[in-house]
N, C-alpha and C. Protein backbone atom coordinates (compact mmCIF):
# COMPACT_ATOMS: atom_id res chain seq x y z
N UNK A 1 -29.39 0.27 -12.43
CA UNK A 1 -28.03 0.50 -13.73
C UNK A 1 -27.93 1.91 -13.97
N UNK A 2 -26.10 1.63 -14.34
CA UNK A 2 -25.88 3.20 -14.45
C UNK A 2 -25.96 3.86 -16.02
N UNK A 3 -26.65 5.27 -16.17
CA UNK A 3 -25.80 6.08 -17.46
C UNK A 3 -24.82 6.85 -17.20
N UNK A 4 -24.33 7.42 -18.24
CA UNK A 4 -23.47 9.24 -18.28
C UNK A 4 -24.33 9.52 -18.91
N UNK A 5 -23.61 11.07 -17.79
CA UNK A 5 -24.68 11.87 -18.09
C UNK A 5 -23.90 13.59 -18.12
N UNK A 6 -22.67 13.50 -17.74
CA UNK A 6 -21.58 13.86 -18.24
C UNK A 6 -19.89 13.46 -18.92
N UNK A 7 -19.35 14.28 -19.21
CA UNK A 7 -17.91 13.79 -20.05
C UNK A 7 -17.55 14.86 -20.44
N UNK A 8 -15.56 14.82 -20.02
CA UNK A 8 -14.59 15.47 -20.36
C UNK A 8 -13.17 15.07 -20.95
N UNK A 9 -12.48 15.72 -21.71
CA UNK A 9 -11.23 15.39 -21.99
C UNK A 9 -10.61 16.23 -20.72
N UNK A 10 -9.67 15.70 -20.29
CA UNK A 10 -9.04 15.75 -18.90
C UNK A 10 -7.55 16.31 -19.37
N UNK A 11 -6.51 15.23 -19.33
CA UNK A 11 -5.06 15.60 -20.15
C UNK A 11 -4.72 14.49 -20.60
N UNK A 12 -3.29 14.21 -21.74
CA UNK A 12 -2.75 12.75 -21.78
C UNK A 12 -1.22 13.52 -21.30
N UNK A 13 -1.20 11.96 -21.00
CA UNK A 13 0.24 11.34 -20.01
C UNK A 13 1.00 11.07 -20.74
N UNK A 14 2.44 10.31 -20.64
CA UNK A 14 3.07 9.80 -20.96
C UNK A 14 3.93 8.67 -19.61
N UNK A 15 4.56 9.68 -18.49
CA UNK A 15 4.76 9.40 -17.74
C UNK A 15 4.30 9.10 -16.04
N UNK A 16 4.11 8.27 -15.56
CA UNK A 16 3.26 8.25 -14.49
C UNK A 16 2.70 9.96 -13.40
N UNK A 17 4.21 10.29 -13.74
CA UNK A 17 4.44 11.73 -12.72
C UNK A 17 3.09 12.61 -13.60
N UNK A 18 3.52 12.02 -14.73
CA UNK A 18 2.36 12.44 -15.08
C UNK A 18 0.75 12.78 -15.17
N UNK A 19 0.13 11.83 -14.41
CA UNK A 19 -1.24 11.69 -14.81
C UNK A 19 -1.94 11.98 -14.06
N UNK A 20 -3.29 13.22 -14.42
CA UNK A 20 -4.12 13.36 -12.99
C UNK A 20 -4.47 12.99 -11.61
N UNK A 21 -4.06 13.90 -11.47
CA UNK A 21 -4.22 12.91 -9.77
C UNK A 21 -6.21 13.75 -9.20
N UNK A 22 -6.69 12.34 -9.11
CA UNK A 22 -7.85 12.00 -9.35
C UNK A 22 -8.00 11.21 -7.77
N UNK A 23 -9.13 11.07 -7.29
CA UNK A 23 -9.10 10.41 -6.04
C UNK A 23 -10.41 8.95 -6.37
N UNK A 24 -11.71 9.03 -7.91
CA UNK A 24 -12.71 8.95 -7.94
C UNK A 24 -11.34 7.22 -8.67
N UNK A 25 -12.87 5.96 -9.12
CA UNK A 25 -12.24 4.74 -9.62
C UNK A 25 -11.89 4.71 -11.41
N UNK A 26 -11.22 5.18 -11.59
CA UNK A 26 -10.54 4.94 -13.53
C UNK A 26 -10.37 3.08 -14.28
N UNK A 27 -11.15 3.53 -15.02
CA UNK A 27 -11.41 1.65 -16.29
C UNK A 27 -10.80 1.63 -17.38
N UNK A 28 -9.60 1.37 -17.84
CA UNK A 28 -9.00 1.63 -18.65
C UNK A 28 -9.11 0.79 -19.64
N UNK A 29 -9.08 1.71 -21.57
CA UNK A 29 -9.47 0.46 -22.29
C UNK A 29 -8.70 0.77 -23.70
N UNK A 30 -7.64 -0.87 -23.61
CA UNK A 30 -6.59 -1.47 -23.83
C UNK A 30 -6.94 -2.36 -25.20
N UNK A 31 -6.35 -2.38 -26.24
CA UNK A 31 -6.47 -3.02 -27.61
C UNK A 31 -5.50 -3.30 -28.20
N UNK A 32 -5.58 -3.90 -29.87
CA UNK A 32 -4.89 -3.75 -30.52
C UNK A 32 -5.11 -1.78 -30.99
N UNK A 33 -3.89 -1.71 -32.18
CA UNK A 33 -4.34 -0.38 -32.94
C UNK A 33 -5.53 -0.06 -32.94
N UNK A 34 -6.18 -0.21 -33.57
CA UNK A 34 -7.23 -1.20 -34.74
C UNK A 34 -8.63 -1.09 -34.29
N UNK A 35 -8.31 -1.31 -33.03
CA UNK A 35 -9.73 -2.46 -32.79
C UNK A 35 -10.44 -1.23 -32.13
N UNK A 36 -10.49 -0.36 -31.93
CA UNK A 36 -11.46 1.35 -32.07
C UNK A 36 -12.61 1.44 -30.78
N UNK A 37 -10.73 1.56 -29.99
CA UNK A 37 -10.65 2.17 -28.37
C UNK A 37 -11.78 3.03 -28.63
N UNK A 38 -11.16 4.12 -29.35
CA UNK A 38 -11.50 5.70 -29.03
C UNK A 38 -13.16 5.77 -29.63
N UNK A 39 -13.48 4.94 -30.56
CA UNK A 39 -14.80 5.15 -30.88
C UNK A 39 -15.83 4.38 -29.97
N UNK A 40 -15.11 3.56 -29.13
CA UNK A 40 -16.00 2.80 -27.72
C UNK A 40 -16.56 3.84 -26.96
N UNK A 41 -14.88 4.04 -26.46
CA UNK A 41 -15.52 5.11 -25.78
C UNK A 41 -15.95 6.98 -26.19
N UNK A 42 -16.57 7.21 -27.37
CA UNK A 42 -16.98 8.04 -27.62
C UNK A 42 -19.14 8.14 -27.97
N UNK A 43 -18.71 6.41 -28.12
CA UNK A 43 -19.93 5.34 -27.93
C UNK A 43 -20.67 5.85 -26.50
N UNK A 44 -19.86 4.95 -25.52
CA UNK A 44 -20.48 5.20 -24.01
C UNK A 44 -21.14 6.19 -23.55
N UNK A 45 -19.59 7.49 -24.27
CA UNK A 45 -19.60 8.40 -23.55
C UNK A 45 -21.12 9.44 -24.65
N UNK A 46 -21.37 8.78 -25.32
CA UNK A 46 -22.05 9.69 -25.95
C UNK A 46 -22.12 10.78 -26.50
N UNK A 47 -20.49 11.03 -27.20
CA UNK A 47 -20.17 12.01 -27.99
C UNK A 47 -19.92 11.48 -29.18
N UNK A 48 -19.86 12.28 -30.21
CA UNK A 48 -19.01 12.17 -31.44
C UNK A 48 -17.82 12.18 -31.83
N UNK A 49 -17.48 13.45 -30.95
CA UNK A 49 -14.84 13.04 -31.15
C UNK A 49 -14.53 13.59 -29.68
N UNK A 50 -15.15 12.64 -28.25
CA UNK A 50 -14.57 13.49 -27.27
C UNK A 50 -12.95 12.67 -27.29
N UNK A 51 -13.54 11.64 -28.07
CA UNK A 51 -12.10 10.73 -28.07
C UNK A 51 -11.48 10.94 -29.33
N UNK A 52 -9.99 11.48 -29.89
CA UNK A 52 -9.95 11.45 -31.09
C UNK A 52 -9.57 10.02 -32.16
N UNK A 53 -10.32 9.76 -33.01
CA UNK A 53 -10.29 9.23 -33.88
C UNK A 53 -10.46 9.11 -34.91
N UNK A 54 -9.34 8.25 -35.60
CA UNK A 54 -8.00 8.39 -36.71
C UNK A 54 -8.83 6.65 -37.29
N UNK A 55 -8.22 7.40 -39.19
CA UNK A 55 -8.34 5.26 -39.71
C UNK A 55 -6.83 5.20 -39.97
N UNK A 56 -6.06 6.27 -39.07
CA UNK A 56 -4.59 5.52 -39.57
C UNK A 56 -4.28 4.79 -37.72
N UNK A 57 -4.04 3.40 -37.74
CA UNK A 57 -3.75 2.37 -37.01
C UNK A 57 -2.70 3.73 -35.82
N UNK A 58 -3.24 3.37 -34.32
CA UNK A 58 -1.81 4.16 -34.09
C UNK A 58 -2.42 5.41 -33.55
N UNK A 59 -3.03 6.43 -33.68
CA UNK A 59 -3.28 7.49 -33.95
C UNK A 59 -2.91 8.07 -32.30
N UNK A 60 -3.41 7.18 -31.03
CA UNK A 60 -3.72 7.16 -29.39
C UNK A 60 -2.24 6.85 -29.34
N UNK A 61 -1.01 7.94 -28.91
CA UNK A 61 -0.16 6.92 -28.71
C UNK A 61 0.43 8.01 -27.26
N UNK A 62 -0.46 8.67 -26.60
CA UNK A 62 0.05 8.58 -25.94
C UNK A 62 -1.60 7.83 -24.57
N UNK A 63 -0.92 8.32 -23.21
CA UNK A 63 -2.29 7.76 -22.15
C UNK A 63 -3.52 8.96 -22.22
N UNK A 64 -4.87 9.22 -22.26
CA UNK A 64 -5.68 9.87 -22.76
C UNK A 64 -5.80 9.71 -21.68
N UNK A 65 -6.89 10.04 -20.57
CA UNK A 65 -7.82 10.17 -19.47
C UNK A 65 -9.04 11.61 -19.39
N UNK A 66 -9.82 11.08 -19.48
CA UNK A 66 -11.35 11.40 -20.05
C UNK A 66 -11.89 11.22 -17.81
N UNK A 67 -12.72 12.33 -17.39
CA UNK A 67 -13.50 12.47 -16.82
C UNK A 67 -14.92 12.00 -16.92
N UNK A 68 -15.49 11.64 -16.62
CA UNK A 68 -17.11 10.81 -15.90
C UNK A 68 -17.84 10.83 -15.54
N UNK A 69 -19.55 11.81 -15.41
CA UNK A 69 -20.16 11.28 -14.31
C UNK A 69 -21.22 10.62 -14.60
N UNK A 70 -21.63 9.82 -13.52
CA UNK A 70 -23.09 9.07 -14.20
C UNK A 70 -24.06 8.85 -13.44
N UNK A 71 -25.20 8.79 -13.35
CA UNK A 71 -25.92 8.55 -12.60
C UNK A 71 -26.56 6.89 -12.49
N UNK A 72 -26.77 7.29 -11.33
CA UNK A 72 -27.94 5.65 -10.60
C UNK A 72 -29.21 6.28 -10.73
N UNK A 73 -29.99 5.75 -11.62
CA UNK A 73 -31.29 5.99 -12.02
C UNK A 73 -32.16 5.41 -10.53
N UNK A 74 -32.18 4.14 -10.12
CA UNK A 74 -32.18 3.40 -8.86
C UNK A 74 -32.07 4.01 -8.20
N UNK A 75 -31.38 4.63 -7.13
CA UNK A 75 -31.33 5.11 -6.36
C UNK A 75 -30.18 6.42 -6.13
N UNK A 76 -30.72 6.57 -7.36
CA UNK A 76 -31.06 8.69 -7.71
C UNK A 76 -29.60 8.77 -7.39
N UNK A 77 -28.56 8.50 -7.67
CA UNK A 77 -27.26 9.06 -6.82
C UNK A 77 -26.45 9.56 -8.35
N UNK A 78 -25.72 10.21 -8.16
CA UNK A 78 -24.90 10.89 -9.53
C UNK A 78 -23.17 9.61 -8.39
N UNK A 79 -22.17 9.72 -9.40
CA UNK A 79 -21.22 8.36 -9.81
C UNK A 79 -19.89 9.96 -9.66
N UNK A 80 -18.61 9.53 -10.45
CA UNK A 80 -17.74 10.17 -10.31
C UNK A 80 -16.14 8.88 -10.57
N UNK A 81 -16.53 8.61 -12.00
CA UNK A 81 -14.95 7.61 -12.36
C UNK A 81 -14.00 8.10 -14.21
N UNK A 82 -13.43 8.02 -14.17
CA UNK A 82 -12.65 8.30 -15.18
C UNK A 82 -12.52 6.78 -16.26
N UNK A 83 -12.04 7.53 -17.77
CA UNK A 83 -12.34 6.70 -18.50
C UNK A 83 -10.74 6.92 -19.26
N UNK A 84 -9.77 5.76 -19.22
CA UNK A 84 -8.49 6.04 -19.18
C UNK A 84 -8.17 5.05 -20.62
N UNK A 85 -7.99 5.78 -22.09
CA UNK A 85 -7.27 5.41 -23.35
C UNK A 85 -6.40 4.99 -23.40
N UNK A 86 -5.63 3.87 -24.05
CA UNK A 86 -4.35 3.54 -23.13
C UNK A 86 -3.99 3.62 -24.99
N UNK A 87 -2.31 3.54 -24.85
CA UNK A 87 -2.55 3.45 -26.48
C UNK A 87 -2.07 2.10 -26.47
N UNK A 88 -2.77 1.94 -28.52
CA UNK A 88 -3.04 0.84 -29.17
C UNK A 88 -1.78 -0.99 -29.25
N UNK A 89 -1.83 -1.99 -29.26
CA UNK A 89 -0.70 -2.55 -29.56
C UNK A 89 -0.83 -3.27 -30.42
N UNK A 90 0.13 -3.74 -31.36
CA UNK A 90 0.27 -4.78 -32.71
C UNK A 90 0.51 -4.23 -34.34
N UNK A 91 -0.80 -3.23 -34.50
CA UNK A 91 -0.73 -2.95 -36.09
C UNK A 91 0.29 -2.09 -36.65
N UNK A 92 -0.21 -0.65 -35.85
CA UNK A 92 0.00 0.14 -36.34
C UNK A 92 1.72 0.38 -36.87
N UNK A 93 1.90 1.27 -37.52
CA UNK A 93 3.08 0.91 -38.80
C UNK A 93 3.76 2.42 -38.28
N UNK A 94 4.61 2.05 -36.97
CA UNK A 94 5.68 2.81 -36.06
C UNK A 94 6.65 1.82 -36.18
N UNK A 95 7.92 2.30 -35.94
CA UNK A 95 9.07 1.81 -35.55
C UNK A 95 9.17 1.05 -34.29
N UNK A 96 9.37 0.16 -33.98
CA UNK A 96 9.99 -0.52 -33.59
C UNK A 96 10.22 -0.32 -31.78
N UNK A 97 11.00 1.19 -31.58
CA UNK A 97 11.29 1.47 -30.59
C UNK A 97 9.36 2.38 -30.03
N UNK A 98 9.06 2.55 -31.08
CA UNK A 98 7.54 3.87 -30.23
C UNK A 98 7.06 2.57 -29.97
N UNK A 99 7.31 1.44 -30.64
CA UNK A 99 5.72 0.39 -30.08
C UNK A 99 6.06 -0.25 -29.14
N UNK A 100 7.57 0.14 -28.84
CA UNK A 100 7.98 -0.67 -26.72
C UNK A 100 8.20 0.76 -26.15
N UNK A 101 7.94 2.12 -26.91
CA UNK A 101 7.35 2.97 -25.27
C UNK A 101 5.80 2.58 -25.27
N UNK A 102 5.23 2.51 -26.27
CA UNK A 102 3.84 2.65 -25.98
C UNK A 102 3.50 1.39 -24.93
N UNK A 103 4.53 0.09 -25.24
CA UNK A 103 4.09 -1.24 -24.31
C UNK A 103 5.01 -0.96 -22.77
N UNK A 104 5.87 0.09 -22.97
CA UNK A 104 6.18 0.60 -21.69
C UNK A 104 5.46 1.69 -20.44
N UNK A 105 4.17 2.15 -21.51
CA UNK A 105 3.06 3.83 -21.06
C UNK A 105 2.25 2.39 -20.15
N UNK A 106 2.09 1.26 -21.02
CA UNK A 106 0.63 0.78 -20.36
C UNK A 106 0.98 0.21 -19.72
N UNK A 107 2.32 -0.63 -19.16
CA UNK A 107 2.61 -1.67 -18.03
C UNK A 107 2.11 -0.65 -16.93
N UNK A 108 3.38 0.61 -17.27
CA UNK A 108 3.52 1.70 -15.81
C UNK A 108 1.97 1.98 -15.36
N UNK A 109 1.61 2.85 -16.37
CA UNK A 109 0.41 2.35 -16.33
C UNK A 109 -0.95 1.58 -15.02
N UNK A 110 -0.96 -0.05 -16.14
CA UNK A 110 -1.22 -0.79 -15.35
C UNK A 110 -1.72 -1.01 -13.96
N UNK A 111 0.40 -1.16 -13.48
CA UNK A 111 1.27 -0.92 -12.32
C UNK A 111 1.15 -0.48 -11.45
N UNK A 112 1.22 0.63 -11.85
CA UNK A 112 1.23 2.36 -10.72
C UNK A 112 -0.02 3.29 -11.00
N UNK A 113 -1.57 2.70 -10.97
CA UNK A 113 -2.61 2.95 -10.58
C UNK A 113 -3.71 2.39 -9.70
N UNK A 114 -3.15 2.39 -8.51
CA UNK A 114 -3.94 2.10 -7.34
C UNK A 114 -5.48 1.98 -7.59
N UNK A 115 -6.53 3.35 -7.61
CA UNK A 115 -7.37 3.22 -8.12
C UNK A 115 -7.83 3.45 -9.31
N UNK A 116 -7.02 2.03 -10.65
CA UNK A 116 -7.64 1.20 -11.53
C UNK A 116 -8.36 0.09 -10.72
N UNK A 117 -10.01 0.37 -10.74
CA UNK A 117 -10.82 -0.30 -10.49
C UNK A 117 -11.27 -1.49 -12.05
N UNK A 118 -10.85 -1.22 -13.73
CA UNK A 118 -10.78 -2.77 -14.59
C UNK A 118 -10.10 -2.18 -15.59
N UNK A 119 -10.10 -3.53 -16.52
CA UNK A 119 -9.69 -2.89 -17.62
C UNK A 119 -11.03 -3.44 -19.01
N UNK A 120 -11.49 -2.81 -19.81
CA UNK A 120 -11.61 -3.49 -21.32
C UNK A 120 -11.19 -3.59 -21.77
N UNK A 121 -10.86 -5.57 -22.12
CA UNK A 121 -9.59 -5.33 -23.60
C UNK A 121 -10.44 -6.07 -24.39
N UNK A 122 -10.54 -4.55 -25.58
CA UNK A 122 -11.28 -5.07 -26.64
C UNK A 122 -10.39 -6.12 -27.55
N UNK A 123 -10.42 -6.84 -28.33
CA UNK A 123 -10.68 -7.69 -29.81
C UNK A 123 -11.47 -6.83 -30.79
N UNK A 124 -11.13 -7.23 -32.38
CA UNK A 124 -12.14 -7.52 -32.74
C UNK A 124 -12.40 -8.46 -33.11
N UNK A 125 -13.78 -8.46 -32.83
CA UNK A 125 -14.67 -10.28 -33.02
C UNK A 125 -14.38 -10.60 -34.16
N UNK A 126 -14.20 -10.20 -35.67
CA UNK A 126 -13.72 -11.04 -36.62
C UNK A 126 -12.03 -11.42 -37.13
N UNK A 127 -11.41 -11.39 -36.00
CA UNK A 127 -10.34 -12.11 -36.25
C UNK A 127 -10.01 -12.84 -33.90
N UNK A 128 -9.12 -14.15 -35.09
CA UNK A 128 -8.98 -14.73 -33.16
C UNK A 128 -8.15 -13.59 -32.59
N UNK A 129 -8.05 -13.99 -31.37
CA UNK A 129 -7.94 -13.89 -29.91
C UNK A 129 -6.77 -14.44 -30.70
N UNK A 130 -4.79 -13.93 -30.49
CA UNK A 130 -3.59 -14.10 -30.73
C UNK A 130 -2.78 -13.78 -29.95
N UNK A 131 -1.74 -13.85 -30.18
CA UNK A 131 -0.77 -14.18 -29.38
C UNK A 131 -0.46 -12.76 -28.30
N UNK A 132 -0.88 -11.58 -28.96
CA UNK A 132 -0.57 -10.13 -28.12
C UNK A 132 -1.63 -10.08 -27.22
N UNK A 133 -2.99 -10.36 -27.87
CA UNK A 133 -3.65 -10.07 -27.10
C UNK A 133 -3.70 -11.43 -25.73
N UNK A 134 -3.81 -12.65 -25.88
CA UNK A 134 -3.28 -13.12 -24.50
C UNK A 134 -1.61 -12.86 -23.65
N UNK A 135 -0.96 -12.02 -24.57
CA UNK A 135 -0.30 -11.79 -23.48
C UNK A 135 -0.48 -9.86 -22.02
N UNK A 136 -1.73 -9.58 -23.10
CA UNK A 136 -2.11 -8.35 -22.68
C UNK A 136 -3.45 -8.86 -21.10
N UNK A 137 -3.52 -9.99 -21.28
CA UNK A 137 -4.16 -10.91 -20.60
C UNK A 137 -3.64 -11.58 -19.63
N UNK A 138 -2.75 -11.89 -20.09
CA UNK A 138 -1.29 -12.41 -18.79
C UNK A 138 -0.72 -11.57 -17.87
N UNK A 139 -0.98 -10.44 -18.87
CA UNK A 139 -0.14 -8.74 -17.78
C UNK A 139 -1.34 -8.63 -16.59
N UNK A 140 -2.53 -8.43 -17.18
CA UNK A 140 -3.72 -8.54 -16.43
C UNK A 140 -3.59 -9.23 -15.31
N UNK A 141 -3.78 -10.44 -15.50
CA UNK A 141 -3.60 -11.86 -14.67
C UNK A 141 -2.63 -11.67 -14.18
N UNK A 142 -1.83 -11.71 -14.02
CA UNK A 142 -0.68 -11.55 -13.24
C UNK A 142 -0.71 -9.66 -12.15
N UNK A 143 -1.09 -9.10 -12.58
CA UNK A 143 -1.08 -7.85 -11.73
C UNK A 143 -2.48 -7.90 -11.48
N UNK A 144 -3.26 -9.03 -11.52
CA UNK A 144 -4.78 -9.46 -10.43
C UNK A 144 -5.72 -7.72 -10.45
N UNK A 145 -5.78 -7.73 -12.09
CA UNK A 145 -6.63 -6.26 -12.45
C UNK A 145 -7.76 -7.38 -12.88
N UNK A 146 -9.03 -6.19 -12.40
CA UNK A 146 -10.77 -7.20 -13.24
C UNK A 146 -10.81 -6.83 -14.21
N UNK A 147 -10.68 -7.72 -15.63
CA UNK A 147 -10.83 -7.07 -17.21
C UNK A 147 -12.63 -7.76 -17.32
N UNK A 148 -12.70 -7.67 -18.77
CA UNK A 148 -13.20 -8.23 -19.51
C UNK A 148 -13.14 -8.08 -20.93
N UNK A 149 -13.93 -8.96 -21.80
CA UNK A 149 -12.92 -8.94 -22.67
C UNK A 149 -14.77 -8.81 -23.35
N UNK A 150 -14.26 -7.52 -24.55
CA UNK A 150 -15.15 -6.89 -25.69
C UNK A 150 -14.69 -6.73 -27.33
N UNK A 151 -15.92 -7.57 -28.02
CA UNK A 151 -15.48 -7.77 -28.91
C UNK A 151 -16.02 -6.73 -29.59
N UNK A 152 -15.02 -5.94 -30.53
CA UNK A 152 -15.97 -4.87 -31.20
C UNK A 152 -15.90 -5.42 -32.48
N UNK A 153 -16.57 -4.49 -32.99
CA UNK A 153 -17.30 -4.20 -34.74
C UNK A 153 -17.78 -5.66 -34.85
N UNK A 154 -19.12 -5.61 -34.22
CA UNK A 154 -20.26 -7.47 -34.21
C UNK A 154 -21.23 -6.49 -35.17
N UNK A 155 -20.99 -5.08 -35.76
CA UNK A 155 -21.51 -4.34 -36.53
C UNK A 155 -20.97 -5.37 -38.07
N UNK A 156 -19.59 -5.41 -37.73
CA UNK A 156 -20.12 -6.47 -39.64
C UNK A 156 -20.09 -7.49 -39.56
N UNK A 157 -20.27 -8.24 -38.42
CA UNK A 157 -20.63 -9.45 -39.01
C UNK A 157 -21.84 -9.88 -38.98
N UNK A 158 -23.35 -10.20 -39.81
CA UNK A 158 -24.47 -10.67 -39.35
C UNK A 158 -25.22 -11.53 -38.10
N UNK A 159 -25.85 -11.17 -37.97
CA UNK A 159 -26.76 -11.39 -36.62
C UNK A 159 -26.75 -12.93 -36.15
N UNK A 160 -27.35 -13.45 -37.81
CA UNK A 160 -27.42 -14.83 -37.50
C UNK A 160 -26.14 -15.51 -37.40
N UNK A 161 -24.95 -15.48 -37.79
CA UNK A 161 -23.42 -15.67 -37.81
C UNK A 161 -22.31 -15.53 -36.28
N UNK A 162 -23.35 -14.04 -35.35
CA UNK A 162 -22.95 -13.87 -34.47
C UNK A 162 -22.34 -14.72 -33.20
N UNK A 163 -23.63 -15.76 -33.07
CA UNK A 163 -22.90 -17.00 -31.45
C UNK A 163 -21.54 -17.71 -32.69
N UNK A 164 -21.48 -18.22 -33.72
CA UNK A 164 -20.99 -18.71 -34.21
C UNK A 164 -19.11 -18.13 -35.06
N UNK A 165 -19.11 -16.53 -35.05
CA UNK A 165 -17.95 -15.99 -34.87
C UNK A 165 -17.58 -16.40 -33.72
N UNK A 166 -18.35 -15.51 -32.60
CA UNK A 166 -17.46 -15.97 -31.86
C UNK A 166 -16.80 -17.17 -31.00
N UNK A 167 -17.81 -18.22 -31.80
CA UNK A 167 -16.91 -19.54 -30.46
C UNK A 167 -15.78 -20.16 -31.14
N UNK A 168 -15.83 -19.15 -32.54
CA UNK A 168 -15.35 -19.76 -33.86
C UNK A 168 -14.40 -18.89 -33.24
N UNK A 169 -13.63 -17.83 -32.84
CA UNK A 169 -12.35 -16.96 -32.80
C UNK A 169 -11.90 -16.62 -31.32
N UNK A 170 -12.74 -16.92 -30.27
CA UNK A 170 -12.77 -16.84 -29.10
C UNK A 170 -13.54 -17.98 -27.80
N UNK A 171 -12.65 -19.02 -27.31
CA UNK A 171 -12.62 -20.20 -26.30
C UNK A 171 -13.33 -19.15 -25.32
N UNK A 172 -13.77 -17.79 -25.20
CA UNK A 172 -14.33 -18.30 -23.79
C UNK A 172 -15.18 -16.75 -24.06
N UNK A 173 -15.94 -15.99 -22.82
CA UNK A 173 -16.88 -15.34 -22.91
C UNK A 173 -16.41 -13.74 -23.34
N UNK A 174 -16.93 -13.20 -24.26
CA UNK A 174 -16.96 -11.80 -24.70
C UNK A 174 -17.97 -11.39 -24.87
N UNK A 175 -18.00 -10.17 -24.54
CA UNK A 175 -19.62 -9.00 -25.13
C UNK A 175 -19.32 -8.65 -26.18
N UNK A 176 -20.56 -8.49 -27.14
CA UNK A 176 -20.24 -8.00 -28.70
C UNK A 176 -20.88 -6.86 -28.67
N UNK A 177 -19.86 -6.05 -29.79
CA UNK A 177 -19.87 -4.66 -29.06
C UNK A 177 -19.50 -3.65 -30.32
N UNK A 178 -20.54 -2.62 -30.80
CA UNK A 178 -20.67 -2.25 -32.72
C UNK A 178 -20.74 0.08 -31.75
N UNK A 179 -19.75 0.46 -31.89
CA UNK A 179 -19.70 2.01 -31.87
C UNK A 179 -20.97 2.19 -32.84
N UNK A 180 -21.09 1.50 -33.69
CA UNK A 180 -21.65 2.16 -34.64
C UNK A 180 -23.08 2.28 -35.01
N UNK A 181 -23.74 0.92 -33.79
CA UNK A 181 -24.78 0.87 -33.32
C UNK A 181 -25.37 0.39 -32.26
N UNK A 182 -24.60 1.13 -31.92
CA UNK A 182 -24.29 1.44 -30.22
C UNK A 182 -24.49 0.45 -28.88
N UNK A 183 -24.40 -0.98 -29.58
CA UNK A 183 -24.72 -2.44 -29.57
C UNK A 183 -23.48 -2.86 -28.45
N UNK A 184 -24.32 -3.59 -26.93
CA UNK A 184 -23.35 -3.80 -25.59
C UNK A 184 -23.40 -2.11 -24.83
N UNK A 185 -24.08 -0.85 -25.02
CA UNK A 185 -23.23 -0.23 -24.32
C UNK A 185 -23.59 -0.67 -22.97
N UNK A 186 -25.06 -0.84 -22.76
CA UNK A 186 -25.75 -1.25 -21.66
C UNK A 186 -25.21 -2.36 -20.91
N UNK A 187 -24.40 -3.32 -21.31
CA UNK A 187 -23.74 -4.88 -21.06
C UNK A 187 -22.06 -4.28 -20.85
N UNK A 188 -21.48 -2.73 -20.98
CA UNK A 188 -20.21 -2.22 -20.37
C UNK A 188 -20.87 -1.96 -19.50
N UNK A 189 -21.52 -0.69 -19.48
CA UNK A 189 -21.96 0.07 -17.54
C UNK A 189 -22.23 -1.62 -16.90
N UNK A 190 -22.88 -1.97 -17.13
CA UNK A 190 -23.53 -2.81 -15.88
C UNK A 190 -22.39 -3.79 -15.66
N UNK A 191 -21.08 -3.77 -16.27
CA UNK A 191 -20.02 -4.29 -16.03
C UNK A 191 -19.37 -3.23 -15.71
N UNK A 192 -19.64 -2.12 -15.39
CA UNK A 192 -18.38 -1.31 -14.43
C UNK A 192 -19.08 -0.80 -13.45
N UNK A 193 -20.59 -0.76 -13.17
CA UNK A 193 -21.28 -1.16 -12.20
C UNK A 193 -21.46 -2.23 -11.18
N UNK A 194 -20.86 -2.91 -12.04
CA UNK A 194 -20.86 -4.32 -10.95
C UNK A 194 -19.86 -3.74 -10.06
N UNK A 195 -18.63 -3.38 -10.51
CA UNK A 195 -17.47 -3.50 -10.22
C UNK A 195 -16.98 -2.65 -9.01
């Protein structure tokens, strides 16, 4: 099992030509504007404010790259990878043109990044998987990208109701996650390690 031992912000980018030149694999985080991508990244990295968090949906307007050093305690090996925080889609109160730009940025990243290892598609556990999430899922599948669904904000649901809420809102397997109580971190790291 891997664990994170170091992390740092690398850079923000808009265009493919602005992406950092890295040889390590990347794991991207994508989801609606208010789903908690930045909070999830901070929780996994064990940092409070590395990825910028805002109460205003749509704060992430660029593609943000983070360098991550991991350690596999069983094999006593260190590893390097990048986390990539993609702009959100959905609820942000921004002009339509801005939303179109974000969509273009996400699509350009997904189709032009050969070191992309996999994508964590985040959904809010309290809301049903909707057509915007489905479009993102279809984009990932059409491009042959490994992905897993992560249901964020699981701390908002009582443990006794968690299974029924998941079954009602998602017709497939999801990993419950909470940045507040760190639930699901080991499962996400295990998924990354398996890739």
